[in-house]
PDB file of N, CA and C in Angstrom:
ATOM      1  N   MET A   1      -0.920  74.023 -67.429  1.00  0.00           N
ATOM      2  CA  MET A   1      -0.455  74.168 -68.811  1.00  0.00           C
ATOM      3  C   MET A   1       1.173  73.591 -69.395  1.00  0.00           C
ATOM      4  N   PRO A   2       0.750  73.681 -70.852  1.00  0.00           N
ATOM      5  CA  PRO A   2       2.297  72.930 -71.208  1.00  0.00           C
ATOM      6  C   PRO A   2       3.136  74.208 -70.989  1.00  0.00           C
ATOM      7  N   LEU A   3       4.379  73.509 -70.813  1.00  0.00           N
ATOM      8  CA  LEU A   3       5.593  74.456 -70.928  1.00  0.00           C
ATOM      9  C   LEU A   3       5.737  74.975 -72.150  1.00  0.00           C
ATOM     10  N   THR A   4       5.461  74.632 -73.475  1.00  0.00           N
ATOM     11  CA  THR A   4       5.647  75.196 -74.511  1.00  0.00           C
ATOM     12  C   THR A   4       4.871  76.519 -74.818  1.00  0.00           C
ATOM     13  N   ASN A   5       4.171  76.775 -73.805  1.00  0.00           N
ATOM     14  CA  ASN A   5       3.299  78.221 -74.036  1.00  0.00           C
ATOM     15  C   ASN A   5       3.809  79.163 -73.464  1.00  0.00           C
ATOM     16  N   TYR A   6       4.965  79.043 -72.429  1.00  0.00           N
ATOM     17  CA  TYR A   6       6.082  80.033 -72.207  1.00  0.00           C
ATOM     18  C   TYR A   6       6.811  80.515 -73.148  1.00  0.00           C
ATOM     19  N   HIS A   7       7.191  81.811 -73.191  1.00  0.00           N
ATOM     20  CA  HIS A   7       7.757  82.502 -74.078  1.00  0.00           C
ATOM     21  C   HIS A   7       9.721  82.339 -73.166  1.00  0.00           C
ATOM     22  N   ARG A   8       9.543  82.652 -72.079  1.00  0.00           N
ATOM     23  CA  ARG A   8      10.769  82.691 -71.612  1.00  0.00           C
ATOM     24  C   ARG A   8      11.020  82.495 -69.923  1.00  0.00           C
ATOM     25  N   PHE A   9      11.762  81.981 -69.545  1.00  0.00           N
ATOM     26  CA  PHE A   9      11.524  81.535 -68.088  1.00  0.00           C
ATOM     27  C   PHE A   9      12.825  82.427 -67.123  1.00  0.00           C
ATOM     28  N   PHE A  10      12.720  82.915 -66.006  1.00  0.00           N
ATOM     29  CA  PHE A  10      13.482  83.202 -64.957  1.00  0.00           C
ATOM     30  C   PHE A  10      13.334  83.165 -63.839  1.00  0.00           C
ATOM     31  N   VAL A  11      14.490  83.424 -62.968  1.00  0.00           N
ATOM     32  CA  VAL A  11      14.366  83.195 -61.710  1.00  0.00           C
ATOM     33  C   VAL A  11      14.617  84.251 -60.921  1.00  0.00           C
ATOM     34  N   GLN A  12      13.878  84.414 -59.922  1.00  0.00           N
ATOM     35  CA  GLN A  12      13.481  85.386 -58.710  1.00  0.00           C
ATOM     36  C   GLN A  12      13.612  84.961 -57.427  1.00  0.00           C
ATOM     37  N   GLY A  13      14.198  85.784 -56.645  1.00  0.00           N
ATOM     38  CA  GLY A  13      14.468  85.559 -55.279  1.00  0.00           C
ATOM     39  C   GLY A  13      13.074  85.789 -54.470  1.00  0.00           C
ATOM     40  N   LEU A  14      12.356  85.001 -53.406  1.00  0.00           N
ATOM     41  CA  LEU A  14      11.267  85.682 -52.856  1.00  0.00           C
ATOM     42  C   LEU A  14      11.640  85.772 -51.164  1.00  0.00           C
ATOM     43  N   VAL A  15      10.954  86.782 -50.410  1.00  0.00           N
ATOM     44  CA  VAL A  15      10.943  86.628 -49.235  1.00  0.00           C
ATOM     45  C   VAL A  15       9.688  86.307 -48.725  1.00  0.00           C
ATOM     46  N   ALA A  16       9.599  85.908 -47.383  1.00  0.00           N
ATOM     47  CA  ALA A  16       8.234  85.498 -47.175  1.00  0.00           C
ATOM     48  C   ALA A  16       8.086  86.724 -45.910  1.00  0.00           C
ATOM     49  N   GLN A  17       6.977  86.942 -45.851  1.00  0.00           N
ATOM     50  CA  GLN A  17       6.163  88.100 -44.993  1.00  0.00           C
ATOM     51  C   GLN A  17       5.304  87.353 -43.952  1.00  0.00           C
ATOM     52  N   CYS A  18       5.278  88.057 -42.744  1.00  0.00           N
ATOM     53  CA  CYS A  18       4.276  87.256 -41.936  1.00  0.00           C
ATOM     54  C   CYS A  18       2.783  88.496 -42.241  1.00  0.00           C
ATOM     55  N   GLU A  19       2.084  88.227 -40.991  1.00  0.00           N
ATOM     56  CA  GLU A  19       0.867  88.940 -41.323  1.00  0.00           C
ATOM     57  C   GLU A  19       0.862  90.371 -40.977  1.00  0.00           C
ATOM     58  N   HIS A  20       2.179  90.934 -40.468  1.00  0.00           N
ATOM     59  CA  HIS A  20       2.523  92.336 -40.302  1.00  0.00           C
ATOM     60  C   HIS A  20       3.251  92.890 -41.598  1.00  0.00           C
ATOM     61  N   GLY A  21       3.383  92.258 -42.513  1.00  0.00           N
ATOM     62  CA  GLY A  21       4.087  92.308 -43.692  1.00  0.00           C
ATOM     63  C   GLY A  21       5.487  93.022 -43.473  1.00  0.00           C
ATOM     64  N   LEU A  22       6.251  92.215 -42.311  1.00  0.00           N
ATOM     65  CA  LEU A  22       7.613  92.057 -42.093  1.00  0.00           C
ATOM     66  C   LEU A  22       8.201  90.853 -42.575  1.00  0.00           C
ATOM     67  N   PRO A  23       9.462  91.326 -43.393  1.00  0.00           N
ATOM     68  CA  PRO A  23      10.194  89.835 -43.521  1.00  0.00           C
ATOM     69  C   PRO A  23      10.277  88.970 -42.604  1.00  0.00           C
ATOM     70  N   ILE A  24      10.432  87.809 -42.980  1.00  0.00           N
ATOM     71  CA  ILE A  24      10.842  86.608 -41.893  1.00  0.00           C
ATOM     72  C   ILE A  24      12.372  85.829 -42.624  1.00  0.00           C
ATOM     73  N   PRO A  25      12.630  86.194 -41.513  1.00  0.00           N
ATOM     74  CA  PRO A  25      14.441  85.413 -41.586  1.00  0.00           C
ATOM     75  C   PRO A  25      14.194  84.041 -42.379  1.00  0.00           C
ATOM     76  N   PRO A  26      15.083  83.468 -43.101  1.00  0.00           N
ATOM     77  CA  PRO A  26      14.783  82.190 -43.482  1.00  0.00           C
ATOM     78  C   PRO A  26      15.027  81.401 -41.883  1.00  0.00           C
ATOM     79  N   GLU A  27      16.009  81.182 -41.111  1.00  0.00           N
ATOM     80  CA  GLU A  27      16.101  80.384 -40.102  1.00  0.00           C
ATOM     81  C   GLU A  27      14.492  80.628 -39.178  1.00  0.00           C
ATOM     82  N   SER A  28      13.859  81.131 -39.484  1.00  0.00           N
ATOM     83  CA  SER A  28      12.430  81.901 -38.639  1.00  0.00           C
ATOM     84  C   SER A  28      11.656  81.117 -38.950  1.00  0.00           C
ATOM     85  N   LEU A  29      11.741  80.513 -40.357  1.00  0.00           N
ATOM     86  CA  LEU A  29      10.214  79.971 -41.194  1.00  0.00           C
ATOM     87  C   LEU A  29       9.502  78.978 -40.366  1.00  0.00           C
ATOM     88  N   GLN A  30      10.223  77.996 -39.643  1.00  0.00           N
ATOM     89  CA  GLN A  30       9.783  77.230 -38.869  1.00  0.00           C
ATOM     90  C   GLN A  30       8.463  77.379 -37.851  1.00  0.00           C
ATOM     91  N   GLU A  31       9.108  78.607 -37.454  1.00  0.00           N
ATOM     92  CA  GLU A  31       8.467  79.492 -36.134  1.00  0.00           C
ATOM     93  C   GLU A  31       7.240  80.650 -36.638  1.00  0.00           C
ATOM     94  N   VAL A  32       7.525  81.150 -37.744  1.00  0.00           N
ATOM     95  CA  VAL A  32       6.370  82.292 -38.244  1.00  0.00           C
ATOM     96  C   VAL A  32       5.407  81.793 -39.251  1.00  0.00           C
ATOM     97  N   ALA A  33       4.501  82.049 -39.084  1.00  0.00           N
ATOM     98  CA  ALA A  33       3.374  81.645 -40.417  1.00  0.00           C
ATOM     99  C   ALA A  33       3.854  82.713 -41.466  1.00  0.00           C
ATOM    100  N   VAL A  34       3.775  81.996 -42.657  1.00  0.00           N
ATOM    101  CA  VAL A  34       3.834  83.026 -43.642  1.00  0.00           C
ATOM    102  C   VAL A  34       2.751  83.226 -44.305  1.00  0.00           C
ATOM    103  N   VAL A  35       2.393  84.643 -44.645  1.00  0.00           N
ATOM    104  CA  VAL A  35       1.084  85.045 -45.261  1.00  0.00           C
ATOM    105  C   VAL A  35       1.339  84.869 -46.977  1.00  0.00           C
ATOM    106  N   SER A  36       2.625  85.725 -47.136  1.00  0.00           N
ATOM    107  CA  SER A  36       2.744  86.135 -48.854  1.00  0.00           C
ATOM    108  C   SER A  36       4.307  86.270 -48.755  1.00  0.00           C
ATOM    109  N   HIS A  37       4.221  86.005 -50.185  1.00  0.00           N
ATOM    110  CA  HIS A  37       5.753  86.413 -50.585  1.00  0.00           C
ATOM    111  C   HIS A  37       6.201  87.530 -51.621  1.00  0.00           C
ATOM    112  N   VAL A  38       7.253  88.409 -51.379  1.00  0.00           N
ATOM    113  CA  VAL A  38       7.348  89.499 -52.009  1.00  0.00           C
ATOM    114  C   VAL A  38       8.586  89.065 -52.901  1.00  0.00           C
ATOM    115  N   PHE A  39       8.815  89.910 -54.231  1.00  0.00           N
ATOM    116  CA  PHE A  39      10.284  89.788 -54.761  1.00  0.00           C
ATOM    117  C   PHE A  39      11.303  90.350 -54.092  1.00  0.00           C
ATOM    118  N   ALA A  40      12.291  89.804 -54.278  1.00  0.00           N
ATOM    119  CA  ALA A  40      13.596  90.158 -53.523  1.00  0.00           C
ATOM    120  C   ALA A  40      14.835  90.537 -54.561  1.00  0.00           C
ATOM    121  N   ASP A  41      15.834  91.401 -54.352  1.00  0.00           N
ATOM    122  CA  ASP A  41      17.036  91.115 -55.218  1.00  0.00           C
ATOM    123  C   ASP A  41      17.861  90.440 -54.544  1.00  0.00           C
ATOM    124  N   ASP A  42      18.576  89.817 -55.296  1.00  0.00           N
ATOM    125  CA  ASP A  42      19.815  88.441 -55.067  1.00  0.00           C
ATOM    126  C   ASP A  42      20.497  88.875 -53.698  1.00  0.00           C
ATOM    127  N   SER A  43      20.754  90.127 -53.144  1.00  0.00           N
ATOM    128  CA  SER A  43      21.420  90.285 -52.155  1.00  0.00           C
ATOM    129  C   SER A  43      20.594  90.424 -50.756  1.00  0.00           C
ATOM    130  N   ASP A  44      19.352  90.335 -50.917  1.00  0.00           N
ATOM    131  CA  ASP A  44      18.128  90.441 -49.733  1.00  0.00           C
ATOM    132  C   ASP A  44      18.767  89.194 -48.953  1.00  0.00           C
ATOM    133  N   PRO A  45      19.184  89.447 -47.384  1.00  0.00           N
ATOM    134  CA  PRO A  45      19.563  88.201 -46.638  1.00  0.00           C
ATOM    135  C   PRO A  45      18.383  87.423 -45.893  1.00  0.00           C
ATOM    136  N   ASN A  46      16.982  88.132 -46.553  1.00  0.00           N
ATOM    137  CA  ASN A  46      16.008  87.182 -45.998  1.00  0.00           C
ATOM    138  C   ASN A  46      15.543  86.426 -47.364  1.00  0.00           C
ATOM    139  N   VAL A  47      15.877  86.124 -48.515  1.00  0.00           N
ATOM    140  CA  VAL A  47      15.524  85.353 -49.268  1.00  0.00           C
ATOM    141  C   VAL A  47      15.012  84.100 -48.771  1.00  0.00           C
ATOM    142  N   SER A  48      13.786  83.816 -49.119  1.00  0.00           N
ATOM    143  CA  SER A  48      13.555  82.068 -48.329  1.00  0.00           C
ATOM    144  C   SER A  48      13.118  81.105 -49.449  1.00  0.00           C
ATOM    145  N   THR A  49      12.945  81.568 -50.650  1.00  0.00           N
ATOM    146  CA  THR A  49      13.217  80.609 -52.074  1.00  0.00           C
ATOM    147  C   THR A  49      13.515  81.192 -53.012  1.00  0.00           C
ATOM    148  N   TRP A  50      14.045  80.483 -54.112  1.00  0.00           N
ATOM    149  CA  TRP A  50      14.231  80.991 -55.561  1.00  0.00           C
ATOM    150  C   TRP A  50      13.024  80.427 -55.830  1.00  0.00           C
ATOM    151  N   ALA A  51      12.633  80.801 -56.965  1.00  0.00           N
ATOM    152  CA  ALA A  51      11.566  80.769 -57.794  1.00  0.00           C
ATOM    153  C   ALA A  51      11.687  80.682 -59.329  1.00  0.00           C
ATOM    154  N   VAL A  52      11.212  79.586 -59.817  1.00  0.00           N
ATOM    155  CA  VAL A  52      11.384  79.749 -61.375  1.00  0.00           C
ATOM    156  C   VAL A  52      10.172  80.327 -62.148  1.00  0.00           C
ATOM    157  N   PHE A  53       9.682  81.143 -62.585  1.00  0.00           N
ATOM    158  CA  PHE A  53       8.777  81.598 -63.491  1.00  0.00           C
ATOM    159  C   PHE A  53       8.607  81.569 -64.760  1.00  0.00           C
ATOM    160  N   GLY A  54       7.783  81.246 -65.411  1.00  0.00           N
ATOM    161  CA  GLY A  54       7.455  81.256 -66.963  1.00  0.00           C
ATOM    162  C   GLY A  54       6.635  82.538 -67.051  1.00  0.00           C
ATOM    163  N   VAL A  55       6.879  83.402 -68.471  1.00  0.00           N
ATOM    164  CA  VAL A  55       6.167  84.204 -68.831  1.00  0.00           C
ATOM    165  C   VAL A  55       5.541  83.798 -70.062  1.00  0.00           C
ATOM    166  N   LEU A  56       4.341  84.213 -69.953  1.00  0.00           N
ATOM    167  CA  LEU A  56       2.964  83.911 -70.866  1.00  0.00           C
ATOM    168  C   LEU A  56       3.225  85.463 -72.176  1.00  0.00           C
ATOM    169  N   ALA A  57       2.591  84.806 -73.228  1.00  0.00           N
ATOM    170  CA  ALA A  57       2.382  86.221 -74.188  1.00  0.00           C
ATOM    171  C   ALA A  57       1.803  87.316 -73.856  1.00  0.00           C
ATOM    172  N   ASP A  58       1.031  87.120 -72.796  1.00  0.00           N
ATOM    173  CA  ASP A  58       0.416  88.240 -72.361  1.00  0.00           C
ATOM    174  C   ASP A  58       1.322  89.114 -71.412  1.00  0.00           C
ATOM    175  N   LYS A  59       2.349  88.431 -70.871  1.00  0.00           N
ATOM    176  CA  LYS A  59       3.489  88.999 -69.936  1.00  0.00           C
ATOM    177  C   LYS A  59       3.107  88.864 -68.462  1.00  0.00           C
ATOM    178  N   SER A  60       2.200  87.959 -68.524  1.00  0.00           N
ATOM    179  CA  SER A  60       1.780  87.392 -67.195  1.00  0.00           C
ATOM    180  C   SER A  60       2.760  86.235 -66.767  1.00  0.00           C
ATOM    181  N   VAL A  61       3.185  85.931 -65.255  1.00  0.00           N
ATOM    182  CA  VAL A  61       4.039  85.062 -65.072  1.00  0.00           C
ATOM    183  C   VAL A  61       3.443  84.154 -64.188  1.00  0.00           C
ATOM    184  N   ASP A  62       3.748  82.845 -63.911  1.00  0.00           N
ATOM    185  CA  ASP A  62       3.098  81.561 -63.395  1.00  0.00           C
ATOM    186  C   ASP A  62       4.669  81.114 -62.659  1.00  0.00           C
ATOM    187  N   ASN A  63       4.556  81.033 -61.158  1.00  0.00           N
ATOM    188  CA  ASN A  63       5.493  80.456 -60.544  1.00  0.00           C
ATOM    189  C   ASN A  63       5.754  78.860 -60.909  1.00  0.00           C
ATOM    190  N   LEU A  64       6.583  78.243 -61.297  1.00  0.00           N
ATOM    191  CA  LEU A  64       6.542  76.999 -62.024  1.00  0.00           C
ATOM    192  C   LEU A  64       7.234  76.211 -60.730  1.00  0.00           C
ATOM    193  N   ALA A  65       8.237  76.851 -60.060  1.00  0.00           N
ATOM    194  CA  ALA A  65       9.315  75.830 -59.008  1.00  0.00           C
ATOM    195  C   ALA A  65       9.685  76.732 -57.790  1.00  0.00           C
ATOM    196  N   ASP A  66       9.584  76.343 -56.522  1.00  0.00           N
ATOM    197  CA  ASP A  66      10.252  76.828 -55.542  1.00  0.00           C
ATOM    198  C   ASP A  66      11.756  76.073 -55.400  1.00  0.00           C
ATOM    199  N   CYS A  67      12.925  76.744 -55.141  1.00  0.00           N
ATOM    200  CA  CYS A  67      13.844  76.031 -54.985  1.00  0.00           C
ATOM    201  C   CYS A  67      14.703  76.369 -53.677  1.00  0.00           C
ATOM    202  N   PRO A  68      15.642  75.573 -53.026  1.00  0.00           N
ATOM    203  CA  PRO A  68      16.142  76.262 -52.111  1.00  0.00           C
ATOM    204  C   PRO A  68      17.244  76.821 -52.339  1.00  0.00           C
ATOM    205  N   THR A  69      18.048  77.243 -53.423  1.00  0.00           N
ATOM    206  CA  THR A  69      19.045  77.684 -53.771  1.00  0.00           C
ATOM    207  C   THR A  69      18.926  78.386 -55.339  1.00  0.00           C
ATOM    208  N   ARG A  70      19.579  79.371 -55.275  1.00  0.00           N
ATOM    209  CA  ARG A  70      19.772  80.137 -56.678  1.00  0.00           C
ATOM    210  C   ARG A  70      20.228  79.105 -57.799  1.00  0.00           C
ATOM    211  N   ALA A  71      20.908  78.499 -57.854  1.00  0.00           N
ATOM    212  CA  ALA A  71      22.042  77.671 -58.628  1.00  0.00           C
ATOM    213  C   ALA A  71      20.966  76.650 -59.149  1.00  0.00           C
ATOM    214  N   ILE A  72      20.180  76.138 -58.200  1.00  0.00           N
ATOM    215  CA  ILE A  72      19.482  75.027 -58.517  1.00  0.00           C
ATOM    216  C   ILE A  72      18.148  75.666 -59.618  1.00  0.00           C
ATOM    217  N   ALA A  73      17.691  76.731 -58.897  1.00  0.00           N
ATOM    218  CA  ALA A  73      16.573  77.554 -59.844  1.00  0.00           C
ATOM    219  C   ALA A  73      17.205  77.742 -60.840  1.00  0.00           C
ATOM    220  N   GLN A  74      18.495  78.457 -61.386  1.00  0.00           N
ATOM    221  CA  GLN A  74      19.055  78.594 -62.243  1.00  0.00           C
ATOM    222  C   GLN A  74      18.982  77.483 -63.339  1.00  0.00           C
ATOM    223  N   ALA A  75      19.735  76.537 -62.896  1.00  0.00           N
ATOM    224  CA  ALA A  75      19.644  75.274 -63.818  1.00  0.00           C
ATOM    225  C   ALA A  75      18.394  74.637 -64.427  1.00  0.00           C
ATOM    226  N   ILE A  76      17.408  74.758 -63.296  1.00  0.00           N
ATOM    227  CA  ILE A  76      15.666  74.445 -64.019  1.00  0.00           C
ATOM    228  C   ILE A  76      15.353  75.572 -64.985  1.00  0.00           C
ATOM    229  N   ALA A  77      15.575  76.794 -64.710  1.00  0.00           N
ATOM    230  CA  ALA A  77      15.296  77.681 -65.998  1.00  0.00           C
ATOM    231  C   ALA A  77      15.895  77.691 -67.122  1.00  0.00           C
ATOM    232  N   ASP A  78      17.164  77.255 -67.137  1.00  0.00           N
ATOM    233  CA  ASP A  78      18.015  77.529 -68.017  1.00  0.00           C
ATOM    234  C   ASP A  78      17.984  75.958 -68.837  1.00  0.00           C
ATOM    235  N   SER A  79      17.332  74.914 -68.153  1.00  0.00           N
ATOM    236  CA  SER A  79      16.682  73.617 -68.977  1.00  0.00           C
ATOM    237  C   SER A  79      15.520  74.079 -69.451  1.00  0.00           C
ATOM    238  N   LEU A  80      14.948  74.423 -68.798  1.00  0.00           N
ATOM    239  CA  LEU A  80      13.286  74.715 -69.153  1.00  0.00           C
ATOM    240  C   LEU A  80      13.404  75.595 -70.519  1.00  0.00           C
ATOM    241  N   SER A  81      14.404  76.797 -70.891  1.00  0.00           N
ATOM    242  CA  SER A  81      14.439  77.441 -71.785  1.00  0.00           C
ATOM    243  C   SER A  81      15.039  77.091 -72.953  1.00  0.00           C
ATOM    244  N   ALA A  82      15.660  75.933 -72.708  1.00  0.00           N
ATOM    245  CA  ALA A  82      16.720  74.824 -73.669  1.00  0.00           C
ATOM    246  C   ALA A  82      15.296  74.350 -74.254  1.00  0.00           C
ATOM    247  N   THR A  83      14.625  73.485 -74.080  1.00  0.00           N
ATOM    248  CA  THR A  83      13.695  72.582 -73.769  1.00  0.00           C
ATOM    249  C   THR A  83      12.264  73.279 -74.774  1.00  0.00           C
ATOM    250  N   HIS A  84      11.819  74.144 -73.777  1.00  0.00           N
ATOM    251  CA  HIS A  84      10.506  74.444 -73.984  1.00  0.00           C
ATOM    252  C   HIS A  84      10.325  76.225 -74.175  1.00  0.00           C
ATOM    253  N   SER A  85      11.063  76.796 -74.006  1.00  0.00           N
ATOM    254  CA  SER A  85      10.688  78.450 -74.353  1.00  0.00           C
ATOM    255  C   SER A  85      10.384  78.643 -76.401  1.00  0.00           C
ATOM    256  N   LYS A  86       9.434  79.086 -76.545  1.00  0.00           N
ATOM    257  CA  LYS A  86       9.135  79.761 -77.450  1.00  0.00           C
ATOM    258  C   LYS A  86      10.340  80.457 -78.143  1.00  0.00           C
ATOM    259  N   ALA A  87      10.961  81.083 -77.274  1.00  0.00           N
ATOM    260  CA  ALA A  87      12.055  82.085 -77.859  1.00  0.00           C
ATOM    261  C   ALA A  87      13.104  81.434 -77.997  1.00  0.00           C
ATOM    262  N   ALA A  88      13.356  80.285 -77.554  1.00  0.00           N
ATOM    263  CA  ALA A  88      14.507  79.285 -77.839  1.00  0.00           C
ATOM    264  C   ALA A  88      14.120  78.808 -79.204  1.00  0.00           C
ATOM    265  N   ALA A  89      13.099  78.606 -79.936  1.00  0.00           N
ATOM    266  CA  ALA A  89      12.884  78.132 -80.959  1.00  0.00           C
ATOM    267  C   ALA A  89      13.588  78.512 -82.140  1.00  0.00           C
TER     268      ALA A  89
END
């Protein structure tokens, strides 16, 4: 999908969960199978990735990138907002 279809971009931390729905600490990601990811707030110690999301006109969201740090994800979101967001036009 063209990036110009997105109205805005945002960054959100994600926590990996195991099959029992428990969070997987980042240092254990190599040892435990990830079944799903859930949104987390910035202070959650179990954030395993920082995701860049794009928001469409119908308010649905697409995960566009997963980043190892919030700073990298925010830099990508800011760049996308400046160049592709309909809100920036």
